[in-house]
Amino acid sequence: MKYAAQKESTANPTVHTFNKASAKSTQTAAQSGTIEEMKKTLADEYFLQLKTQNFHWNVEGPLFFSLHKLFEEQYEDISEFVDRSAEILRALKSPAPGSFQAFKKLSDVEECTDEKLSSTKMIDILTADHTTLAELYKARLETAEQEEETSAVTLYEDLITFHEKAAWMIRSHLS
């Protein structure tokens, strides 16, 4: 973390004091990209969690058992990413958005309003969502790296790995 140290000149040994005002303004300016992108990430993950849980509840057909189980595992994993995203925002001294209205404005994940989808359509939708998010997060990872936000970097690395694997796992049901 970046901070400003000031050297006090006295007869005593060198003492460094923490300049809180300087550190706060530096932190806000240096982390603004990460904060805005983390808000979008929180919204993306929340909507994907909701969509995946919806598909878990409503999947039918010959792939019911395997998809029902897979979707449950995935929405539970996504739930942890939702929490981690919000915690990073709070650690960066930013409020975490928490309303559907805010999430809808921030998210790149499209809402699924169709109540009757085939399992094949669910697979197509979720595969596309996971693939899109993995690509989006690669760009967001670069911002976090440039701003030296280690916790955000780690989260984006984990998210990219998760979404690439999730897309593969879901897509494999069509083979």
C-alpha atoms as a PDB file:
ATOM      1  CA  MET A   1       0.000   0.000   0.000  1.00  0.00           C
ATOM      2  CA  LYS A   2       1.300   3.450  -0.822  1.00  0.00           C
ATOM      3  CA  TYR A   3       1.747   6.010   1.907  1.00  0.00           C
ATOM      4  CA  ALA A   4       3.669   9.207   2.513  1.00  0.00           C
ATOM      5  CA  ALA A   5       6.321   9.221   5.194  1.00  0.00           C
ATOM      6  CA  GLN A   6       7.748  12.429   6.606  1.00  0.00           C
ATOM      7  CA  LYS A   7      11.088  12.596   8.332  1.00  0.00           C
ATOM      8  CA  GLU A   8      11.172  14.632  11.510  1.00  0.00           C
ATOM      9  CA  SER A   9      14.473  16.391  12.067  1.00  0.00           C
ATOM     10  CA  THR A  10      15.407  16.329  15.743  1.00  0.00           C
ATOM     11  CA  ALA A  11      18.355  15.275  17.788  1.00  0.00           C
ATOM     12  CA  ASN A  12      16.582  11.951  18.328  1.00  0.00           C
ATOM     13  CA  PRO A  13      16.931   9.047  15.896  1.00  0.00           C
ATOM     14  CA  THR A  14      14.987   9.275  12.635  1.00  0.00           C
ATOM     15  CA  VAL A  15      11.236   9.039  13.165  1.00  0.00           C
ATOM     16  CA  HIS A  16       8.775   8.485  10.322  1.00  0.00           C
ATOM     17  CA  THR A  17       5.215   9.688  10.685  1.00  0.00           C
ATOM     18  CA  PHE A  18       2.264   8.611   8.609  1.00  0.00           C
ATOM     19  CA  ASN A  19       0.589  11.374   6.631  1.00  0.00           C
ATOM     20  CA  LYS A  20      -3.044  10.197   6.608  1.00  0.00           C
ATOM     21  CA  ALA A  21      -4.386  12.960   4.363  1.00  0.00           C
ATOM     22  CA  SER A  22      -1.809  12.264   1.675  1.00  0.00           C
ATOM     23  CA  ALA A  23      -2.337   8.502   1.906  1.00  0.00           C
ATOM     24  CA  LYS A  24      -6.108   8.834   1.600  1.00  0.00           C
ATOM     25  CA  SER A  25      -5.994  11.001  -1.520  1.00  0.00           C
ATOM     26  CA  THR A  26      -3.363   8.735  -3.101  1.00  0.00           C
ATOM     27  CA  GLN A  27      -5.418   5.638  -2.281  1.00  0.00           C
ATOM     28  CA  THR A  28      -8.593   7.043  -3.800  1.00  0.00           C
ATOM     29  CA  ALA A  29      -6.909   8.179  -7.004  1.00  0.00           C
ATOM     30  CA  ALA A  30      -4.838   5.021  -7.421  1.00  0.00           C
ATOM     31  CA  GLN A  31      -7.707   2.615  -6.812  1.00  0.00           C
ATOM     32  CA  SER A  32     -10.603   4.277  -8.609  1.00  0.00           C
ATOM     33  CA  GLY A  33     -10.388   1.970 -11.648  1.00  0.00           C
ATOM     34  CA  THR A  34     -10.271  -1.141  -9.495  1.00  0.00           C
ATOM     35  CA  ILE A  35     -13.183   0.074  -7.375  1.00  0.00           C
ATOM     36  CA  GLU A  36     -15.441   0.790 -10.359  1.00  0.00           C
ATOM     37  CA  GLU A  37     -14.565  -2.497 -12.025  1.00  0.00           C
ATOM     38  CA  MET A  38     -15.056  -4.420  -8.770  1.00  0.00           C
ATOM     39  CA  LYS A  39     -18.573  -2.961  -8.490  1.00  0.00           C
ATOM     40  CA  LYS A  40     -19.292  -4.299 -11.982  1.00  0.00           C
ATOM     41  CA  THR A  41     -17.792  -7.649 -11.025  1.00  0.00           C
ATOM     42  CA  LEU A  42     -20.006  -7.864  -7.942  1.00  0.00           C
ATOM     43  CA  ALA A  43     -23.077  -7.153 -10.096  1.00  0.00           C
ATOM     44  CA  ASP A  44     -21.989  -9.639 -12.784  1.00  0.00           C
ATOM     45  CA  GLU A  45     -21.435 -12.405 -10.265  1.00  0.00           C
ATOM     46  CA  TYR A  46     -24.691 -11.699  -8.432  1.00  0.00           C
ATOM     47  CA  PHE A  47     -26.773 -11.857 -11.612  1.00  0.00           C
ATOM     48  CA  LEU A  48     -24.959 -14.968 -12.813  1.00  0.00           C
ATOM     49  CA  GLN A  49     -25.579 -16.601  -9.432  1.00  0.00           C
ATOM     50  CA  LEU A  50     -29.289 -15.808  -9.692  1.00  0.00           C
ATOM     51  CA  LYS A  51     -29.489 -17.081 -13.271  1.00  0.00           C
ATOM     52  CA  THR A  52     -27.618 -20.291 -12.430  1.00  0.00           C
ATOM     53  CA  GLN A  53     -29.817 -20.923  -9.395  1.00  0.00           C
ATOM     54  CA  ASN A  54     -32.918 -20.307 -11.515  1.00  0.00           C
ATOM     55  CA  PHE A  55     -31.701 -22.894 -14.035  1.00  0.00           C
ATOM     56  CA  HIS A  56     -30.939 -25.301 -11.171  1.00  0.00           C
ATOM     57  CA  TRP A  57     -34.547 -25.016 -10.015  1.00  0.00           C
ATOM     58  CA  ASN A  58     -36.108 -25.299 -13.453  1.00  0.00           C
ATOM     59  CA  VAL A  59     -33.948 -27.662 -15.511  1.00  0.00           C
ATOM     60  CA  GLU A  60     -35.819 -30.626 -17.022  1.00  0.00           C
ATOM     61  CA  GLY A  61     -35.149 -33.450 -19.422  1.00  0.00           C
ATOM     62  CA  PRO A  62     -32.701 -36.312 -19.785  1.00  0.00           C
ATOM     63  CA  LEU A  63     -29.825 -34.226 -18.389  1.00  0.00           C
ATOM     64  CA  PHE A  64     -31.814 -33.193 -15.320  1.00  0.00           C
ATOM     65  CA  PHE A  65     -29.794 -34.958 -12.644  1.00  0.00           C
ATOM     66  CA  SER A  66     -26.328 -34.015 -13.881  1.00  0.00           C
ATOM     67  CA  LEU A  67     -27.245 -30.404 -14.704  1.00  0.00           C
ATOM     68  CA  HIS A  68     -29.237 -29.937 -11.496  1.00  0.00           C
ATOM     69  CA  LYS A  69     -26.187 -31.011  -9.494  1.00  0.00           C
ATOM     70  CA  LEU A  70     -23.707 -29.019 -11.622  1.00  0.00           C
ATOM     71  CA  PHE A  71     -25.768 -25.820 -11.488  1.00  0.00           C
ATOM     72  CA  GLU A  72     -26.039 -26.136  -7.703  1.00  0.00           C
ATOM     73  CA  GLU A  73     -22.272 -26.520  -7.328  1.00  0.00           C
ATOM     74  CA  GLN A  74     -21.710 -23.540  -9.582  1.00  0.00           C
ATOM     75  CA  TYR A  75     -24.154 -21.141  -7.941  1.00  0.00           C
ATOM     76  CA  GLU A  76     -22.644 -22.014  -4.563  1.00  0.00           C
ATOM     77  CA  ASP A  77     -19.151 -21.249  -5.915  1.00  0.00           C
ATOM     78  CA  ILE A  78     -20.398 -18.011  -7.458  1.00  0.00           C
ATOM     79  CA  SER A  79     -21.914 -17.036  -4.100  1.00  0.00           C
ATOM     80  CA  GLU A  80     -18.423 -17.076  -2.586  1.00  0.00           C
ATOM     81  CA  PHE A  81     -17.172 -14.814  -5.385  1.00  0.00           C
ATOM     82  CA  VAL A  82     -20.048 -12.405  -4.717  1.00  0.00           C
ATOM     83  CA  ASP A  83     -18.986 -12.173  -1.084  1.00  0.00           C
ATOM     84  CA  ARG A  84     -15.289 -11.781  -1.906  1.00  0.00           C
ATOM     85  CA  SER A  85     -16.063  -8.987  -4.395  1.00  0.00           C
ATOM     86  CA  ALA A  86     -18.080  -7.065  -1.809  1.00  0.00           C
ATOM     87  CA  GLU A  87     -15.399  -7.556   0.844  1.00  0.00           C
ATOM     88  CA  ILE A  88     -12.707  -6.167  -1.473  1.00  0.00           C
ATOM     89  CA  LEU A  89     -14.860  -3.100  -2.100  1.00  0.00           C
ATOM     90  CA  ARG A  90     -15.278  -2.577   1.631  1.00  0.00           C
ATOM     91  CA  ALA A  91     -11.528  -3.033   2.199  1.00  0.00           C
ATOM     92  CA  LEU A  92     -10.978  -0.296  -0.408  1.00  0.00           C
ATOM     93  CA  LYS A  93     -13.329   1.925   1.628  1.00  0.00           C
ATOM     94  CA  SER A  94     -16.037   1.857  -1.004  1.00  0.00           C
ATOM     95  CA  PRO A  95     -19.646   0.907  -0.363  1.00  0.00           C
ATOM     96  CA  ALA A  96     -20.708  -2.302  -2.076  1.00  0.00           C
ATOM     97  CA  PRO A  97     -23.788  -1.915  -4.270  1.00  0.00           C
ATOM     98  CA  GLY A  98     -26.602  -4.105  -3.021  1.00  0.00           C
ATOM     99  CA  SER A  99     -29.819  -3.410  -4.893  1.00  0.00           C
ATOM    100  CA  PHE A 100     -31.228  -5.046  -8.005  1.00  0.00           C
ATOM    101  CA  GLN A 101     -31.467  -1.597  -9.584  1.00  0.00           C
ATOM    102  CA  ALA A 102     -27.758  -0.931  -8.993  1.00  0.00           C
ATOM    103  CA  PHE A 103     -26.771  -4.416 -10.157  1.00  0.00           C
ATOM    104  CA  LYS A 104     -28.845  -4.073 -13.320  1.00  0.00           C
ATOM    105  CA  LYS A 105     -27.075  -0.812 -14.223  1.00  0.00           C
ATOM    106  CA  LEU A 106     -23.621  -2.262 -13.527  1.00  0.00           C
ATOM    107  CA  SER A 107     -23.867  -5.825 -14.850  1.00  0.00           C
ATOM    108  CA  ASP A 108     -22.863  -7.138 -18.257  1.00  0.00           C
ATOM    109  CA  VAL A 109     -24.823 -10.351 -17.558  1.00  0.00           C
ATOM    110  CA  GLU A 110     -28.224 -10.257 -19.205  1.00  0.00           C
ATOM    111  CA  GLU A 111     -31.255 -11.163 -17.168  1.00  0.00           C
ATOM    112  CA  CYS A 112     -33.082 -14.291 -18.284  1.00  0.00           C
ATOM    113  CA  THR A 113     -36.838 -13.761 -18.113  1.00  0.00           C
ATOM    114  CA  ASP A 114     -37.878 -16.827 -20.108  1.00  0.00           C
ATOM    115  CA  GLU A 115     -39.486 -19.208 -17.604  1.00  0.00           C
ATOM    116  CA  LYS A 116     -39.472 -22.257 -19.865  1.00  0.00           C
ATOM    117  CA  LEU A 117     -36.093 -23.055 -21.395  1.00  0.00           C
ATOM    118  CA  SER A 118     -34.776 -26.360 -22.651  1.00  0.00           C
ATOM    119  CA  SER A 119     -31.703 -27.740 -20.933  1.00  0.00           C
ATOM    120  CA  THR A 120     -29.797 -27.181 -24.191  1.00  0.00           C
ATOM    121  CA  LYS A 121     -30.726 -23.481 -24.173  1.00  0.00           C
ATOM    122  CA  MET A 122     -29.669 -23.200 -20.516  1.00  0.00           C
ATOM    123  CA  ILE A 123     -26.318 -24.746 -21.447  1.00  0.00           C
ATOM    124  CA  ASP A 124     -25.887 -22.290 -24.326  1.00  0.00           C
ATOM    125  CA  ILE A 125     -26.754 -19.277 -22.167  1.00  0.00           C
ATOM    126  CA  LEU A 126     -24.511 -20.185 -19.244  1.00  0.00           C
ATOM    127  CA  THR A 127     -21.616 -21.206 -21.490  1.00  0.00           C
ATOM    128  CA  ALA A 128     -21.793 -17.809 -23.196  1.00  0.00           C
ATOM    129  CA  ASP A 129     -22.009 -15.980 -19.849  1.00  0.00           C
ATOM    130  CA  HIS A 130     -19.013 -17.804 -18.363  1.00  0.00           C
ATOM    131  CA  THR A 131     -16.945 -17.286 -21.515  1.00  0.00           C
ATOM    132  CA  THR A 132     -17.817 -13.580 -21.696  1.00  0.00           C
ATOM    133  CA  LEU A 133     -17.014 -12.996 -18.031  1.00  0.00           C
ATOM    134  CA  ALA A 134     -13.656 -14.780 -18.286  1.00  0.00           C
ATOM    135  CA  GLU A 135     -12.719 -12.406 -21.113  1.00  0.00           C
ATOM    136  CA  LEU A 136     -14.019  -9.296 -19.312  1.00  0.00           C
ATOM    137  CA  TYR A 137     -12.116 -10.229 -16.181  1.00  0.00           C
ATOM    138  CA  LYS A 138      -8.832 -10.473 -18.084  1.00  0.00           C
ATOM    139  CA  ALA A 139      -9.096  -6.739 -18.804  1.00  0.00           C
ATOM    140  CA  ARG A 140     -10.152  -5.994 -15.226  1.00  0.00           C
ATOM    141  CA  LEU A 141      -7.192  -8.041 -13.985  1.00  0.00           C
ATOM    142  CA  GLU A 142      -4.855  -5.712 -15.887  1.00  0.00           C
ATOM    143  CA  THR A 143      -6.356  -2.681 -14.142  1.00  0.00           C
ATOM    144  CA  ALA A 144      -5.947  -4.291 -10.723  1.00  0.00           C
ATOM    145  CA  GLU A 145      -2.341  -5.200 -11.567  1.00  0.00           C
ATOM    146  CA  GLN A 146      -1.575  -1.636 -12.691  1.00  0.00           C
ATOM    147  CA  GLU A 147      -3.076  -0.271  -9.477  1.00  0.00           C
ATOM    148  CA  GLU A 148      -1.214  -2.914  -7.428  1.00  0.00           C
ATOM    149  CA  GLU A 149      -4.372  -4.168  -5.733  1.00  0.00           C
ATOM    150  CA  THR A 150      -3.244  -7.646  -4.714  1.00  0.00           C
ATOM    151  CA  SER A 151      -6.575  -8.866  -3.362  1.00  0.00           C
ATOM    152  CA  ALA A 152      -8.355  -7.809  -6.561  1.00  0.00           C
ATOM    153  CA  VAL A 153      -5.632  -9.427  -8.695  1.00  0.00           C
ATOM    154  CA  THR A 154      -6.048 -12.701  -6.799  1.00  0.00           C
ATOM    155  CA  LEU A 155      -9.834 -12.558  -7.123  1.00  0.00           C
ATOM    156  CA  TYR A 156      -9.687 -11.915 -10.875  1.00  0.00           C
ATOM    157  CA  GLU A 157      -7.217 -14.771 -11.368  1.00  0.00           C
ATOM    158  CA  ASP A 158      -9.571 -17.070  -9.435  1.00  0.00           C
ATOM    159  CA  LEU A 159     -12.608 -15.815 -11.364  1.00  0.00           C
ATOM    160  CA  ILE A 160     -10.971 -16.330 -14.757  1.00  0.00           C
ATOM    161  CA  THR A 161      -9.978 -19.878 -13.823  1.00  0.00           C
ATOM    162  CA  PHE A 162     -13.456 -20.619 -12.463  1.00  0.00           C
ATOM    163  CA  HIS A 163     -15.368 -19.217 -15.452  1.00  0.00           C
ATOM    164  CA  GLU A 164     -13.176 -20.933 -18.035  1.00  0.00           C
ATOM    165  CA  LYS A 165     -13.631 -24.261 -16.235  1.00  0.00           C
ATOM    166  CA  ALA A 166     -17.372 -23.677 -15.695  1.00  0.00           C
ATOM    167  CA  ALA A 167     -17.882 -22.994 -19.414  1.00  0.00           C
ATOM    168  CA  TRP A 168     -16.035 -26.199 -20.267  1.00  0.00           C
ATOM    169  CA  MET A 169     -17.969 -28.276 -17.696  1.00  0.00           C
ATOM    170  CA  ILE A 170     -21.350 -27.021 -18.920  1.00  0.00           C
ATOM    171  CA  ARG A 171     -20.433 -27.218 -22.609  1.00  0.00           C
ATOM    172  CA  SER A 172     -19.327 -30.853 -22.127  1.00  0.00           C
ATOM    173  CA  HIS A 173     -22.962 -31.830 -21.576  1.00  0.00           C
ATOM    174  CA  LEU A 174     -23.622 -31.218 -25.273  1.00  0.00           C
ATOM    175  CA  SER A 175     -20.975 -33.664 -26.520  1.00  0.00           C
END
